[in-house]
């Protein structure tokens, strides 16, 4: 059975999707062309022309299509035009090392990393995505510093993920990448000699993304978003637009309740504004219901896809603690926290080493002290904010609009020291 599964993962499936798709919106049409690549099979060396190797799982046929014709205008919305492909226009020449034909998840991870990266223009940045959610996102003074910070934000989840960069990959960054296991590395370009360094991982997909120098233009471009239903039906929607492009677009939280006005008493600092903007930008690429914590341009804890808001706030706190402890353990002992824990259980390592990691993590509150809390929707109760305030956060970003906004404002004003909060005026759900 295990060998059968391994064979399935190595198989390049035939697909029976047509070479072209035309979708009509009344009298307007969009034309899509299937993308294929000629890539040598890593097992036999035979050159195979194929698109996606399979879908989300082996056994699911899949195909990638690029928009090649049609200019769709519905109401006042002009959707993205042909000739602006990113992931859908990747060519064989862009696959500097193909490893093997990509699967659906490989490319959707790159796509969602681009969805976050299109907002990150303040400096060198790295986005690491796994299962269509970010593991770690960070700015750095250099690209290698950004990657190191993003990786250490959650190095366990980053294992086997996709790393995207907004600058050409240099040698120092390539050397750091080569020490880790990733499925995909994507960037606008790769400096001389870096592909040779990365090629030490023979199955790593090294992809150059054209048009990344104009990536910020996609922040205000809408596309048609399709959701298929199990009965064969579809839901069609416009892709969302993020209205927060600068710190000035936030508003200090205020609310009315029973004739009384409630206002946030402390204004954010410049650093808090920078982190709140960064956090809201990262939030655009996270599966809802979500809460994240960020600090100094780095993600600290990412909670995704939960059903209740206080629950996801607590999960993100738990993850911040576990990732902080793991990073501390790895830097100090060259082991993951779980590896050290196992070594202690076997008697190979002193229990005191583990206790020191636990104590330092507890004192630092998982790195949450001084961080900003970002929520993709309003807080129906103040409990979601209260759990984060106990961990030492100093600022909150949320859409606002709850009947109990006044309670959440009171929670921030009552905190010691006081916590500031801003509203975005829009939700950021992503399903």
Foldseek 3Di string as FASTA:
>chain_A
DVVVQVVLVLAQDDADDDQKDWDDDDPWIWIKGWDWAFDQRPVPRHTDTGAASAEPGRVHHDIAIATADTFDDDDNATADGHPQDWLSPFYPVQFPAALHHHHHQQSLQVVLQLLLVLQPDPAKKKFKGDSQATQKIFHDNDNLRRVVQRCLLHVPRSAQIEMEIAAAAEQSNLQVPCVGHYQEYEYQHHDPPSVVSNCVPVNHGYGHTPPSVVSNVCLPHWHWDWDADPVRDIDIDIQDHQPPNALVLWAFDWDDDPRDIFTQDDDDDPQQSVQQSSVVSSLLRAAPQWKWKDHPGMTQFIFGDDDALLVSLVNRLVSLLQSLLQSVCCVVPVGGLVVVVVCVVVVNDPVVVNVVSNVVSVVCSSVLAAIEMEGQADHQALSSVLVSLVSHYAEYEHADDHPVSNRNSVSQVPRVVHHTYIHNVHGNHDD
